[in-house]
Amino acid sequence: MPLLYWWTRSDAPLPQGYKLSDSNRILIIPNAKMEDEGNYTCHVRRVVGSVTVAKSIYLVIEAKPTFIIPLHDMHADEGSELIWRCEVRAKPWATYTWYMNSLILINIPGEIIIIYYGVYMIDFASDFTAFMPNFAKNPLSPEILAGEGGNVTIDCAPEAAPFPDIAWYQNGDYLKLIPGGDERVRMTIEGALVITKVNQADQGLYKCVATNINAGLAITRSPVDAVVDVNQTHFFYCEASYNYEVFELVYVWKFNGRIINMDQDPFYRKARQTTILPQLTPLLATSTFRKNI
């Protein structure tokens, strides 16, 4: 005698898009999701009669880790605090391990703290990247309109490391602004220019100048470890970019902490670099806009 089959799910309807086959004997869940986990029951009874039997099974959904908060490259000033948050959705529950240059990081009080949910906090960095200010990602608007008697804020947010000093000019005249001041025309701690109670005298061409002179020297090509056969010659390379208006560049090589005297030690020789690399221009970036009233 024919049998009737049907499926139910405890405390919830069957998943959206489910399919049945083989006279409803088989339940198919395409593209199973985390929320499809639960208790499923197959019911069977004869076409004639009221006796029903059932068998329940529990579906467990496992998922590989998926990043909830994307990780991005970051730069930070030396001595500042840097926080990276690593948070994923996974089942079973994910474990977190942080690496730096392929080495596992461990908690170092006062320097590196790894806490719940995979937050990586650096309280102090001895190695850092320095680069001159630029407005490529955050250019100033070419023109800003403001109503007389109103307020206007103009952001100046160049990318730079370390954080630059910001200066503002109006029609070529330097505005003596102190970050965080409370004057009618003032500059915020972040470097934005704020003008309150705008009047006709505020109209003109404004220029934002960002300077971080400490970033004038940076290693662009570092020496790398090498394995060399005895009596063979090997070349180590070191190159730096620098602000020629501030620094006089001198290269010094050391072996096990001892300065190598190229003139007196016959086993070492300083090679000449035949390729001339472009030097950094003064570490100064400017962006201008015109404000009309």
C-alpha atoms as a PDB file:
ATOM      1  CA  MET A   1       0.000   0.000   0.000  1.00  0.00           C
ATOM      2  CA  PRO A   2       1.386   3.447  -0.943  1.00  0.00           C
ATOM      3  CA  LEU A   3       3.027   5.585   1.730  1.00  0.00           C
ATOM      4  CA  LEU A   4       2.902   9.354   2.179  1.00  0.00           C
ATOM      5  CA  TYR A   5       6.076  11.252   3.144  1.00  0.00           C
ATOM      6  CA  TRP A   6       6.487  14.841   4.346  1.00  0.00           C
ATOM      7  CA  TRP A   7       9.070  16.882   6.231  1.00  0.00           C
ATOM      8  CA  THR A   8       8.870  19.397   9.060  1.00  0.00           C
ATOM      9  CA  ARG A   9      11.350  21.464  10.997  1.00  0.00           C
ATOM     10  CA  SER A  10      11.127  22.170  14.712  1.00  0.00           C
ATOM     11  CA  ASP A  11      10.254  25.775  15.620  1.00  0.00           C
ATOM     12  CA  ALA A  12      10.714  27.041  12.065  1.00  0.00           C
ATOM     13  CA  PRO A  13       9.496  26.493   8.499  1.00  0.00           C
ATOM     14  CA  LEU A  14      11.594  24.520   6.035  1.00  0.00           C
ATOM     15  CA  PRO A  15      14.430  26.569   4.524  1.00  0.00           C
ATOM     16  CA  GLN A  16      13.621  28.862   1.637  1.00  0.00           C
ATOM     17  CA  GLY A  17      14.199  27.181  -1.720  1.00  0.00           C
ATOM     18  CA  TYR A  18      14.134  23.614  -0.376  1.00  0.00           C
ATOM     19  CA  LYS A  19      13.374  20.753  -2.774  1.00  0.00           C
ATOM     20  CA  LEU A  20      11.863  17.272  -2.443  1.00  0.00           C
ATOM     21  CA  SER A  21      12.494  14.218  -4.588  1.00  0.00           C
ATOM     22  CA  ASP A  22      11.746  10.469  -4.750  1.00  0.00           C
ATOM     23  CA  SER A  23       8.121  10.884  -3.661  1.00  0.00           C
ATOM     24  CA  ASN A  24       9.197  13.338  -0.919  1.00  0.00           C
ATOM     25  CA  ARG A  25      11.550  10.796   0.615  1.00  0.00           C
ATOM     26  CA  ILE A  26      14.545  13.098   0.045  1.00  0.00           C
ATOM     27  CA  LEU A  27      14.797  16.666   1.352  1.00  0.00           C
ATOM     28  CA  ILE A  28      17.315  18.873  -0.483  1.00  0.00           C
ATOM     29  CA  ILE A  29      18.543  22.211   0.897  1.00  0.00           C
ATOM     30  CA  PRO A  30      20.463  24.081  -1.816  1.00  0.00           C
ATOM     31  CA  ASN A  31      23.132  26.544  -0.648  1.00  0.00           C
ATOM     32  CA  ALA A  32      22.678  25.718   3.040  1.00  0.00           C
ATOM     33  CA  LYS A  33      23.107  28.683   5.383  1.00  0.00           C
ATOM     34  CA  MET A  34      23.980  28.987   9.056  1.00  0.00           C
ATOM     35  CA  GLU A  35      20.355  29.718   9.901  1.00  0.00           C
ATOM     36  CA  ASP A  36      19.273  26.405   8.303  1.00  0.00           C
ATOM     37  CA  GLU A  37      20.711  24.498  11.271  1.00  0.00           C
ATOM     38  CA  GLY A  38      18.101  22.739  13.336  1.00  0.00           C
ATOM     39  CA  ASN A  39      15.986  19.661  13.979  1.00  0.00           C
ATOM     40  CA  TYR A  40      14.291  18.090  10.905  1.00  0.00           C
ATOM     41  CA  THR A  41      11.650  15.338  11.015  1.00  0.00           C
ATOM     42  CA  CYS A  42      10.521  12.954   8.300  1.00  0.00           C
ATOM     43  CA  HIS A  43       6.902  11.787   8.726  1.00  0.00           C
ATOM     44  CA  VAL A  44       5.415   8.650   7.087  1.00  0.00           C
ATOM     45  CA  ARG A  45       1.919   7.235   7.048  1.00  0.00           C
ATOM     46  CA  ARG A  46      -0.157   4.966   4.853  1.00  0.00           C
ATOM     47  CA  VAL A  47      -2.576   6.472   2.342  1.00  0.00           C
ATOM     48  CA  VAL A  48      -5.374   4.635   4.117  1.00  0.00           C
ATOM     49  CA  GLY A  49      -5.189   4.872   7.862  1.00  0.00           C
ATOM     50  CA  SER A  50      -4.111   7.328  10.530  1.00  0.00           C
ATOM     51  CA  VAL A  51      -1.012   5.683  11.962  1.00  0.00           C
ATOM     52  CA  THR A  52       2.033   7.936  11.478  1.00  0.00           C
ATOM     53  CA  VAL A  53       5.665   7.276  12.275  1.00  0.00           C
ATOM     54  CA  ALA A  54       8.430   9.843  12.351  1.00  0.00           C
ATOM     55  CA  LYS A  55      12.175  10.045  12.592  1.00  0.00           C
ATOM     56  CA  SER A  56      14.097  13.215  13.555  1.00  0.00           C
ATOM     57  CA  ILE A  57      17.631  14.228  12.690  1.00  0.00           C
ATOM     58  CA  TYR A  58      19.630  17.305  13.703  1.00  0.00           C
ATOM     59  CA  LEU A  59      21.446  19.269  11.003  1.00  0.00           C
ATOM     60  CA  VAL A  60      24.691  20.968  12.082  1.00  0.00           C
ATOM     61  CA  ILE A  61      26.079  23.657   9.765  1.00  0.00           C
ATOM     62  CA  GLU A  62      29.802  24.390   9.886  1.00  0.00           C
ATOM     63  CA  ALA A  63      31.368  27.351   8.111  1.00  0.00           C
ATOM     64  CA  LYS A  64      34.941  28.372   7.425  1.00  0.00           C
ATOM     65  CA  PRO A  65      35.979  31.773   8.857  1.00  0.00           C
ATOM     66  CA  THR A  66      34.627  34.796   7.002  1.00  0.00           C
ATOM     67  CA  PHE A  67      35.940  38.266   7.839  1.00  0.00           C
ATOM     68  CA  ILE A  68      33.274  40.552   9.280  1.00  0.00           C
ATOM     69  CA  ILE A  69      35.638  43.529   9.565  1.00  0.00           C
ATOM     70  CA  PRO A  70      38.117  43.758   6.650  1.00  0.00           C
ATOM     71  CA  LEU A  71      41.784  44.328   7.490  1.00  0.00           C
ATOM     72  CA  HIS A  72      43.557  47.209   5.778  1.00  0.00           C
ATOM     73  CA  ASP A  73      47.123  48.476   5.556  1.00  0.00           C
ATOM     74  CA  MET A  74      47.786  51.225   8.085  1.00  0.00           C
ATOM     75  CA  HIS A  75      50.540  53.651   8.952  1.00  0.00           C
ATOM     76  CA  ALA A  76      51.210  55.242  12.314  1.00  0.00           C
ATOM     77  CA  ASP A  77      53.583  57.727  13.873  1.00  0.00           C
ATOM     78  CA  GLU A  78      56.404  56.358  16.020  1.00  0.00           C
ATOM     79  CA  GLY A  79      55.308  56.201  19.631  1.00  0.00           C
ATOM     80  CA  SER A  80      51.596  56.300  18.786  1.00  0.00           C
ATOM     81  CA  GLU A  81      48.997  53.584  19.375  1.00  0.00           C
ATOM     82  CA  LEU A  82      47.925  51.364  16.474  1.00  0.00           C
ATOM     83  CA  ILE A  83      44.953  48.981  16.674  1.00  0.00           C
ATOM     84  CA  TRP A  84      44.008  46.270  14.174  1.00  0.00           C
ATOM     85  CA  ARG A  85      40.745  44.380  14.763  1.00  0.00           C
ATOM     86  CA  CYS A  86      40.380  40.872  13.362  1.00  0.00           C
ATOM     87  CA  GLU A  87      36.845  39.526  13.712  1.00  0.00           C
ATOM     88  CA  VAL A  88      35.366  36.608  11.773  1.00  0.00           C
ATOM     89  CA  ARG A  89      32.192  34.586  11.647  1.00  0.00           C
ATOM     90  CA  ALA A  90      32.805  30.846  11.816  1.00  0.00           C
ATOM     91  CA  LYS A  91      31.449  27.593  13.170  1.00  0.00           C
ATOM     92  CA  PRO A  92      32.901  25.975  15.194  1.00  0.00           C
ATOM     93  CA  TRP A  93      34.157  29.078  16.970  1.00  0.00           C
ATOM     94  CA  ALA A  94      37.363  30.391  15.387  1.00  0.00           C
ATOM     95  CA  THR A  95      40.695  30.786  17.142  1.00  0.00           C
ATOM     96  CA  TYR A  96      42.920  33.750  16.332  1.00  0.00           C
ATOM     97  CA  THR A  97      46.669  33.838  15.759  1.00  0.00           C
ATOM     98  CA  TRP A  98      48.622  36.933  14.740  1.00  0.00           C
ATOM     99  CA  TYR A  99      51.841  36.854  12.738  1.00  0.00           C
ATOM    100  CA  MET A 100      54.471  39.477  11.991  1.00  0.00           C
ATOM    101  CA  ASN A 101      56.894  38.664   9.188  1.00  0.00           C
ATOM    102  CA  SER A 102      55.803  34.988   9.434  1.00  0.00           C
ATOM    103  CA  LEU A 103      56.563  34.832  13.180  1.00  0.00           C
ATOM    104  CA  ILE A 104      53.793  34.263  15.724  1.00  0.00           C
ATOM    105  CA  LEU A 105      53.139  37.312  17.888  1.00  0.00           C
ATOM    106  CA  ILE A 106      52.784  36.957  21.628  1.00  0.00           C
ATOM    107  CA  ASN A 107      51.655  39.427  24.257  1.00  0.00           C
ATOM    108  CA  ILE A 108      54.419  41.804  25.343  1.00  0.00           C
ATOM    109  CA  PRO A 109      53.306  44.062  28.207  1.00  0.00           C
ATOM    110  CA  GLY A 110      53.642  47.691  27.197  1.00  0.00           C
ATOM    111  CA  GLU A 111      54.268  46.889  23.516  1.00  0.00           C
ATOM    112  CA  ILE A 112      51.895  44.309  21.987  1.00  0.00           C
ATOM    113  CA  ILE A 113      48.519  43.346  23.428  1.00  0.00           C
ATOM    114  CA  ILE A 114      46.339  40.661  21.818  1.00  0.00           C
ATOM    115  CA  ILE A 115      42.879  40.468  23.364  1.00  0.00           C
ATOM    116  CA  TYR A 116      39.489  38.811  22.775  1.00  0.00           C
ATOM    117  CA  TYR A 117      38.119  38.999  19.216  1.00  0.00           C
ATOM    118  CA  GLY A 118      41.614  39.314  17.766  1.00  0.00           C
ATOM    119  CA  VAL A 119      42.452  42.937  18.438  1.00  0.00           C
ATOM    120  CA  TYR A 120      46.096  43.736  17.756  1.00  0.00           C
ATOM    121  CA  MET A 121      47.303  46.803  19.636  1.00  0.00           C
ATOM    122  CA  ILE A 122      50.798  48.201  19.306  1.00  0.00           C
ATOM    123  CA  ASP A 123      51.703  50.715  21.968  1.00  0.00           C
ATOM    124  CA  PHE A 124      55.139  51.437  20.568  1.00  0.00           C
ATOM    125  CA  ALA A 125      56.815  50.704  17.263  1.00  0.00           C
ATOM    126  CA  SER A 126      60.566  50.892  16.850  1.00  0.00           C
ATOM    127  CA  ASP A 127      60.377  50.530  13.046  1.00  0.00           C
ATOM    128  CA  PHE A 128      58.144  52.868  11.116  1.00  0.00           C
ATOM    129  CA  THR A 129      57.451  54.093   7.609  1.00  0.00           C
ATOM    130  CA  ALA A 130      57.823  57.777   6.844  1.00  0.00           C
ATOM    131  CA  PHE A 131      56.548  59.564   3.784  1.00  0.00           C
ATOM    132  CA  MET A 132      55.923  63.120   2.742  1.00  0.00           C
ATOM    133  CA  PRO A 133      52.436  64.687   2.796  1.00  0.00           C
ATOM    134  CA  ASN A 134      50.226  64.381  -0.252  1.00  0.00           C
ATOM    135  CA  PHE A 135      46.625  65.294  -1.066  1.00  0.00           C
ATOM    136  CA  ALA A 136      45.992  62.580  -3.656  1.00  0.00           C
ATOM    137  CA  LYS A 137      43.210  60.895  -1.657  1.00  0.00           C
ATOM    138  CA  ASN A 138      41.818  63.956   0.097  1.00  0.00           C
ATOM    139  CA  PRO A 139      42.136  66.995  -2.174  1.00  0.00           C
ATOM    140  CA  LEU A 140      40.584  70.299  -1.195  1.00  0.00           C
ATOM    141  CA  SER A 141      37.531  71.435  -3.127  1.00  0.00           C
ATOM    142  CA  PRO A 142      38.451  73.999  -5.800  1.00  0.00           C
ATOM    143  CA  GLU A 143      35.669  76.326  -4.624  1.00  0.00           C
ATOM    144  CA  ILE A 144      33.532  76.591  -1.506  1.00  0.00           C
ATOM    145  CA  LEU A 145      30.520  78.866  -1.070  1.00  0.00           C
ATOM    146  CA  ALA A 146      29.490  80.323   2.279  1.00  0.00           C
ATOM    147  CA  GLY A 147      26.629  82.565   3.319  1.00  0.00           C
ATOM    148  CA  GLU A 148      27.420  85.846   5.029  1.00  0.00           C
ATOM    149  CA  GLY A 149      26.943  85.483   8.761  1.00  0.00           C
ATOM    150  CA  GLY A 150      27.132  81.678   8.561  1.00  0.00           C
ATOM    151  CA  ASN A 151      29.841  79.162   9.371  1.00  0.00           C
ATOM    152  CA  VAL A 152      32.106  77.104   7.112  1.00  0.00           C
ATOM    153  CA  THR A 153      34.630  74.309   7.714  1.00  0.00           C
ATOM    154  CA  ILE A 154      37.347  73.374   5.230  1.00  0.00           C
ATOM    155  CA  ASP A 155      39.144  70.103   5.835  1.00  0.00           C
ATOM    156  CA  CYS A 156      42.866  69.696   5.273  1.00  0.00           C
ATOM    157  CA  ALA A 157      43.619  65.988   5.543  1.00  0.00           C
ATOM    158  CA  PRO A 158      46.763  64.959   3.658  1.00  0.00           C
ATOM    159  CA  GLU A 159      48.237  61.487   4.022  1.00  0.00           C
ATOM    160  CA  ALA A 160      51.584  61.663   5.799  1.00  0.00           C
ATOM    161  CA  ALA A 161      53.793  59.900   8.299  1.00  0.00           C
ATOM    162  CA  PRO A 162      54.586  61.178  10.811  1.00  0.00           C
ATOM    163  CA  PHE A 163      51.507  63.384  11.245  1.00  0.00           C
ATOM    164  CA  PRO A 164      52.269  66.726   9.594  1.00  0.00           C
ATOM    165  CA  ASP A 165      52.164  70.287  10.863  1.00  0.00           C
ATOM    166  CA  ILE A 166      49.364  72.233   9.154  1.00  0.00           C
ATOM    167  CA  ALA A 167      49.499  75.914   8.198  1.00  0.00           C
ATOM    168  CA  TRP A 168      46.840  78.033   6.470  1.00  0.00           C
ATOM    169  CA  TYR A 169      47.258  81.034   4.167  1.00  0.00           C
ATOM    170  CA  GLN A 170      44.656  83.513   2.898  1.00  0.00           C
ATOM    171  CA  ASN A 171      45.536  85.354  -0.300  1.00  0.00           C
ATOM    172  CA  GLY A 172      49.203  84.557   0.385  1.00  0.00           C
ATOM    173  CA  ASP A 173      49.163  85.832   3.979  1.00  0.00           C
ATOM    174  CA  TYR A 174      50.024  83.371   6.741  1.00  0.00           C
ATOM    175  CA  LEU A 175      47.211  82.880   9.236  1.00  0.00           C
ATOM    176  CA  LYS A 176      48.723  82.590  12.701  1.00  0.00           C
ATOM    177  CA  LEU A 177      46.412  79.872  13.984  1.00  0.00           C
ATOM    178  CA  ILE A 178      46.971  77.618  16.975  1.00  0.00           C
ATOM    179  CA  PRO A 179      45.392  74.135  16.699  1.00  0.00           C
ATOM    180  CA  GLY A 180      42.382  73.910  18.966  1.00  0.00           C
ATOM    181  CA  GLY A 181      41.936  77.670  19.338  1.00  0.00           C
ATOM    182  CA  ASP A 182      38.563  79.357  19.836  1.00  0.00           C
ATOM    183  CA  GLU A 183      38.926  82.449  17.619  1.00  0.00           C
ATOM    184  CA  ARG A 184      36.395  83.375  14.942  1.00  0.00           C
ATOM    185  CA  VAL A 185      38.843  81.974  12.383  1.00  0.00           C
ATOM    186  CA  ARG A 186      40.464  78.948  13.953  1.00  0.00           C
ATOM    187  CA  MET A 187      42.128  75.614  13.174  1.00  0.00           C
ATOM    188  CA  THR A 188      41.049  72.317  14.696  1.00  0.00           C
ATOM    189  CA  ILE A 189      43.470  69.792  16.183  1.00  0.00           C
ATOM    190  CA  GLU A 190      43.072  67.760  12.963  1.00  0.00           C
ATOM    191  CA  GLY A 191      44.073  70.767  10.825  1.00  0.00           C
ATOM    192  CA  ALA A 192      40.676  71.835   9.438  1.00  0.00           C
ATOM    193  CA  LEU A 193      39.999  75.568   9.022  1.00  0.00           C
ATOM    194  CA  VAL A 194      36.826  76.823  10.706  1.00  0.00           C
ATOM    195  CA  ILE A 195      35.381  80.274   9.970  1.00  0.00           C
ATOM    196  CA  THR A 196      32.400  81.476  11.987  1.00  0.00           C
ATOM    197  CA  LYS A 197      30.247  84.560  11.310  1.00  0.00           C
ATOM    198  CA  VAL A 198      31.533  84.744   7.741  1.00  0.00           C
ATOM    199  CA  ASN A 199      31.938  88.256   6.281  1.00  0.00           C
ATOM    200  CA  GLN A 200      33.182  89.835   3.046  1.00  0.00           C
ATOM    201  CA  ALA A 201      36.756  90.030   4.353  1.00  0.00           C
ATOM    202  CA  ASP A 202      36.906  86.232   4.481  1.00  0.00           C
ATOM    203  CA  GLN A 203      36.561  85.923   0.710  1.00  0.00           C
ATOM    204  CA  GLY A 204      39.687  84.914  -1.183  1.00  0.00           C
ATOM    205  CA  LEU A 205      42.175  82.187  -2.046  1.00  0.00           C
ATOM    206  CA  TYR A 206      43.111  79.861   0.804  1.00  0.00           C
ATOM    207  CA  LYS A 207      46.073  77.492   0.872  1.00  0.00           C
ATOM    208  CA  CYS A 208      46.715  74.573   3.229  1.00  0.00           C
ATOM    209  CA  VAL A 209      50.377  73.663   3.726  1.00  0.00           C
ATOM    210  CA  ALA A 210      51.391  70.363   5.350  1.00  0.00           C
ATOM    211  CA  THR A 211      54.963  69.738   6.488  1.00  0.00           C
ATOM    212  CA  ASN A 212      56.609  66.758   8.202  1.00  0.00           C
ATOM    213  CA  ILE A 213      60.312  67.448   8.039  1.00  0.00           C
ATOM    214  CA  ASN A 214      61.150  64.385  10.161  1.00  0.00           C
ATOM    215  CA  ALA A 215      60.136  62.149   7.264  1.00  0.00           C
ATOM    216  CA  GLY A 216      62.965  63.441   5.120  1.00  0.00           C
ATOM    217  CA  LEU A 217      65.074  60.290   5.367  1.00  0.00           C
ATOM    218  CA  ALA A 218      63.803  56.827   4.509  1.00  0.00           C
ATOM    219  CA  ILE A 219      65.475  53.556   3.519  1.00  0.00           C
ATOM    220  CA  THR A 220      64.228  52.606   0.058  1.00  0.00           C
ATOM    221  CA  ARG A 221      66.393  49.505  -0.420  1.00  0.00           C
ATOM    222  CA  SER A 222      67.597  47.549   2.608  1.00  0.00           C
ATOM    223  CA  PRO A 223      70.382  44.951   2.720  1.00  0.00           C
ATOM    224  CA  VAL A 224      69.110  41.375   2.764  1.00  0.00           C
ATOM    225  CA  ASP A 225      70.494  38.188   4.303  1.00  0.00           C
ATOM    226  CA  ALA A 226      72.685  36.113   2.019  1.00  0.00           C
ATOM    227  CA  VAL A 227      74.559  32.793   1.947  1.00  0.00           C
ATOM    228  CA  VAL A 228      77.949  33.108   0.211  1.00  0.00           C
ATOM    229  CA  ASP A 229      80.642  30.541  -0.603  1.00  0.00           C
ATOM    230  CA  VAL A 230      84.099  31.037   0.877  1.00  0.00           C
ATOM    231  CA  ASN A 231      86.400  33.275  -1.239  1.00  0.00           C
ATOM    232  CA  GLN A 232      83.465  34.544  -3.300  1.00  0.00           C
ATOM    233  CA  THR A 233      82.520  38.197  -3.710  1.00  0.00           C
ATOM    234  CA  HIS A 234      79.085  39.377  -2.658  1.00  0.00           C
ATOM    235  CA  PHE A 235      77.368  42.749  -3.000  1.00  0.00           C
ATOM    236  CA  PHE A 236      75.100  44.265  -0.348  1.00  0.00           C
ATOM    237  CA  TYR A 237      72.902  47.165  -1.377  1.00  0.00           C
ATOM    238  CA  CYS A 238      71.571  50.034   0.683  1.00  0.00           C
ATOM    239  CA  GLU A 239      69.738  53.018  -0.748  1.00  0.00           C
ATOM    240  CA  ALA A 240      67.873  55.912   0.848  1.00  0.00           C
ATOM    241  CA  SER A 241      65.681  58.756  -0.285  1.00  0.00           C
ATOM    242  CA  TYR A 242      66.095  62.035   1.526  1.00  0.00           C
ATOM    243  CA  ASN A 243      65.377  65.739   1.602  1.00  0.00           C
ATOM    244  CA  TYR A 244      68.563  67.246   0.213  1.00  0.00           C
ATOM    245  CA  GLU A 245      67.655  70.669   1.654  1.00  0.00           C
ATOM    246  CA  VAL A 246      67.780  69.251   5.183  1.00  0.00           C
ATOM    247  CA  PHE A 247      70.146  66.265   5.202  1.00  0.00           C
ATOM    248  CA  GLU A 248      73.682  65.560   4.049  1.00  0.00           C
ATOM    249  CA  LEU A 249      73.572  61.838   3.297  1.00  0.00           C
ATOM    250  CA  VAL A 250      76.382  59.564   4.539  1.00  0.00           C
ATOM    251  CA  TYR A 251      76.315  55.755   4.386  1.00  0.00           C
ATOM    252  CA  VAL A 252      78.000  53.840   7.227  1.00  0.00           C
ATOM    253  CA  TRP A 253      78.448  50.061   7.170  1.00  0.00           C
ATOM    254  CA  LYS A 254      79.010  47.934  10.266  1.00  0.00           C
ATOM    255  CA  PHE A 255      80.047  44.312  10.831  1.00  0.00           C
ATOM    256  CA  ASN A 256      78.873  42.842  14.155  1.00  0.00           C
ATOM    257  CA  GLY A 257      78.433  46.360  15.475  1.00  0.00           C
ATOM    258  CA  ARG A 258      81.883  47.550  14.368  1.00  0.00           C
ATOM    259  CA  ILE A 259      82.167  50.302  11.761  1.00  0.00           C
ATOM    260  CA  ILE A 260      83.929  49.040   8.642  1.00  0.00           C
ATOM    261  CA  ASN A 261      86.802  51.265   7.500  1.00  0.00           C
ATOM    262  CA  MET A 262      86.705  50.866   3.731  1.00  0.00           C
ATOM    263  CA  ASP A 263      90.060  52.626   3.305  1.00  0.00           C
ATOM    264  CA  GLN A 264      92.027  50.353   5.652  1.00  0.00           C
ATOM    265  CA  ASP A 265      90.265  46.978   5.464  1.00  0.00           C
ATOM    266  CA  PRO A 266      91.235  45.185   2.198  1.00  0.00           C
ATOM    267  CA  PHE A 267      88.339  42.724   2.478  1.00  0.00           C
ATOM    268  CA  TYR A 268      85.683  45.407   2.027  1.00  0.00           C
ATOM    269  CA  ARG A 269      85.124  47.914  -0.721  1.00  0.00           C
ATOM    270  CA  LYS A 270      82.448  50.509  -1.221  1.00  0.00           C
ATOM    271  CA  ALA A 271      81.087  50.284  -4.764  1.00  0.00           C
ATOM    272  CA  ARG A 272      79.909  53.301  -6.704  1.00  0.00           C
ATOM    273  CA  GLN A 273      76.248  53.587  -7.670  1.00  0.00           C
ATOM    274  CA  THR A 274      76.075  54.471 -11.348  1.00  0.00           C
ATOM    275  CA  THR A 275      72.323  55.003 -11.350  1.00  0.00           C
ATOM    276  CA  ILE A 276      71.285  58.391 -10.030  1.00  0.00           C
ATOM    277  CA  LEU A 277      67.994  58.166  -8.160  1.00  0.00           C
ATOM    278  CA  PRO A 278      65.702  61.177  -7.960  1.00  0.00           C
ATOM    279  CA  GLN A 279      65.862  62.877  -4.590  1.00  0.00           C
ATOM    280  CA  LEU A 280      62.840  63.891  -2.613  1.00  0.00           C
ATOM    281  CA  THR A 281      61.718  67.431  -3.054  1.00  0.00           C
ATOM    282  CA  PRO A 282      61.307  69.416   0.187  1.00  0.00           C
ATOM    283  CA  LEU A 283      58.772  67.677   2.382  1.00  0.00           C
ATOM    284  CA  LEU A 284      56.073  70.187   1.737  1.00  0.00           C
ATOM    285  CA  ALA A 285      52.610  69.611   0.331  1.00  0.00           C
ATOM    286  CA  THR A 286      50.090  72.320  -0.436  1.00  0.00           C
ATOM    287  CA  SER A 287      46.487  72.413  -1.524  1.00  0.00           C
ATOM    288  CA  THR A 288      44.442  75.489  -2.334  1.00  0.00           C
ATOM    289  CA  PHE A 289      40.830  76.446  -2.763  1.00  0.00           C
ATOM    290  CA  ARG A 290      38.874  79.628  -3.371  1.00  0.00           C
ATOM    291  CA  LYS A 291      35.981  80.636  -1.136  1.00  0.00           C
ATOM    292  CA  ASN A 292      33.317  82.964  -2.427  1.00  0.00           C
ATOM    293  CA  ILE A 293      30.699  84.721  -0.333  1.00  0.00           C
END
